[in-house]
Amino acid sequence: MGLEERARKRRRRMKVHRARSFDDAERWDLEYWQSLTPAERLAALVAIHRDVEKVRRDRPPE
């Protein structure tokens, strides 16, 4: 699967919200994460950890 196809699939899965305040954003964020199953939340956490590792691995040494 190419980059364009992955981007298309990602856009179909995205859920977005334009917050009117910080409280609104916090409320929406909490509702979104609570609407997911435990397996979906875990998969998101694993994906975040993998992305962080990729960034660390590709970062030039200091």
C-alpha atoms as a PDB file:
ATOM      1  CA  MET A   1       0.000   0.000   0.000  1.00  0.00           C
ATOM      2  CA  GLY A   2       1.446   3.348  -1.023  1.00  0.00           C
ATOM      3  CA  LEU A   3       1.632   6.587   0.885  1.00  0.00           C
ATOM      4  CA  GLU A   4      -1.355   8.124  -0.925  1.00  0.00           C
ATOM      5  CA  GLU A   5      -3.581   5.120  -0.194  1.00  0.00           C
ATOM      6  CA  ARG A   6      -2.570   5.130   3.494  1.00  0.00           C
ATOM      7  CA  ALA A   7      -3.314   8.865   3.687  1.00  0.00           C
ATOM      8  CA  ARG A   8      -6.747   8.339   2.116  1.00  0.00           C
ATOM      9  CA  LYS A   9      -7.601   5.585   4.590  1.00  0.00           C
ATOM     10  CA  ARG A  10      -6.363   7.683   7.506  1.00  0.00           C
ATOM     11  CA  ARG A  11      -8.521  10.638   6.469  1.00  0.00           C
ATOM     12  CA  ARG A  12     -11.616   8.390   6.392  1.00  0.00           C
ATOM     13  CA  ARG A  13     -10.906   7.204   9.954  1.00  0.00           C
ATOM     14  CA  MET A  14     -10.187  10.634  11.433  1.00  0.00           C
ATOM     15  CA  LYS A  15     -12.588  12.187  13.888  1.00  0.00           C
ATOM     16  CA  VAL A  16     -12.134  15.917  14.279  1.00  0.00           C
ATOM     17  CA  HIS A  17     -13.604  18.668  16.405  1.00  0.00           C
ATOM     18  CA  ARG A  18     -13.121  22.422  16.419  1.00  0.00           C
ATOM     19  CA  ALA A  19     -13.118  23.419  20.056  1.00  0.00           C
ATOM     20  CA  ARG A  20     -14.593  26.700  21.184  1.00  0.00           C
ATOM     21  CA  SER A  21     -12.627  26.713  24.432  1.00  0.00           C
ATOM     22  CA  PHE A  22     -10.053  24.711  26.345  1.00  0.00           C
ATOM     23  CA  ASP A  23     -12.859  23.169  28.408  1.00  0.00           C
ATOM     24  CA  ASP A  24     -14.676  22.151  25.224  1.00  0.00           C
ATOM     25  CA  ALA A  25     -11.496  20.581  23.844  1.00  0.00           C
ATOM     26  CA  GLU A  26     -10.858  18.690  27.063  1.00  0.00           C
ATOM     27  CA  ARG A  27     -14.448  17.421  27.187  1.00  0.00           C
ATOM     28  CA  TRP A  28     -14.349  16.262  23.548  1.00  0.00           C
ATOM     29  CA  ASP A  29     -10.988  14.563  24.039  1.00  0.00           C
ATOM     30  CA  LEU A  30     -12.234  12.663  27.092  1.00  0.00           C
ATOM     31  CA  GLU A  31     -15.449  11.600  25.315  1.00  0.00           C
ATOM     32  CA  TYR A  32     -13.468  10.457  22.267  1.00  0.00           C
ATOM     33  CA  TRP A  33     -11.046   8.258  24.221  1.00  0.00           C
ATOM     34  CA  GLN A  34     -13.831   6.853  26.388  1.00  0.00           C
ATOM     35  CA  SER A  35     -15.792   5.913  23.257  1.00  0.00           C
ATOM     36  CA  LEU A  36     -12.994   3.567  22.166  1.00  0.00           C
ATOM     37  CA  THR A  37     -12.657  -0.011  23.316  1.00  0.00           C
ATOM     38  CA  PRO A  38      -9.733  -0.899  25.578  1.00  0.00           C
ATOM     39  CA  ALA A  39      -8.114  -2.694  22.603  1.00  0.00           C
ATOM     40  CA  GLU A  40      -8.423   0.440  20.436  1.00  0.00           C
ATOM     41  CA  ARG A  41      -6.897   2.613  23.172  1.00  0.00           C
ATOM     42  CA  LEU A  42      -4.041   0.149  23.610  1.00  0.00           C
ATOM     43  CA  ALA A  43      -3.438   0.039  19.842  1.00  0.00           C
ATOM     44  CA  ALA A  44      -3.246   3.850  19.790  1.00  0.00           C
ATOM     45  CA  LEU A  45      -0.731   3.839  22.646  1.00  0.00           C
ATOM     46  CA  VAL A  46       1.415   1.238  20.897  1.00  0.00           C
ATOM     47  CA  ALA A  47       1.316   3.284  17.666  1.00  0.00           C
ATOM     48  CA  ILE A  48       2.429   6.404  19.572  1.00  0.00           C
ATOM     49  CA  HIS A  49       5.320   4.507  21.175  1.00  0.00           C
ATOM     50  CA  ARG A  50       6.417   3.181  17.771  1.00  0.00           C
ATOM     51  CA  ASP A  51       6.305   6.680  16.271  1.00  0.00           C
ATOM     52  CA  VAL A  52       8.395   8.060  19.155  1.00  0.00           C
ATOM     53  CA  GLU A  53      10.968   5.289  18.660  1.00  0.00           C
ATOM     54  CA  LYS A  54      11.185   6.058  14.925  1.00  0.00           C
ATOM     55  CA  VAL A  55      11.804   9.727  15.668  1.00  0.00           C
ATOM     56  CA  ARG A  56      14.469   8.921  18.268  1.00  0.00           C
ATOM     57  CA  ARG A  57      16.170   6.439  15.960  1.00  0.00           C
ATOM     58  CA  ASP A  58      16.233   8.890  13.027  1.00  0.00           C
ATOM     59  CA  ARG A  59      17.292  11.908  15.073  1.00  0.00           C
ATOM     60  CA  PRO A  60      20.915  12.943  14.483  1.00  0.00           C
ATOM     61  CA  PRO A  61      23.217  12.402  17.479  1.00  0.00           C
ATOM     62  CA  GLU A  62      23.793  15.406  19.706  1.00  0.00           C
END
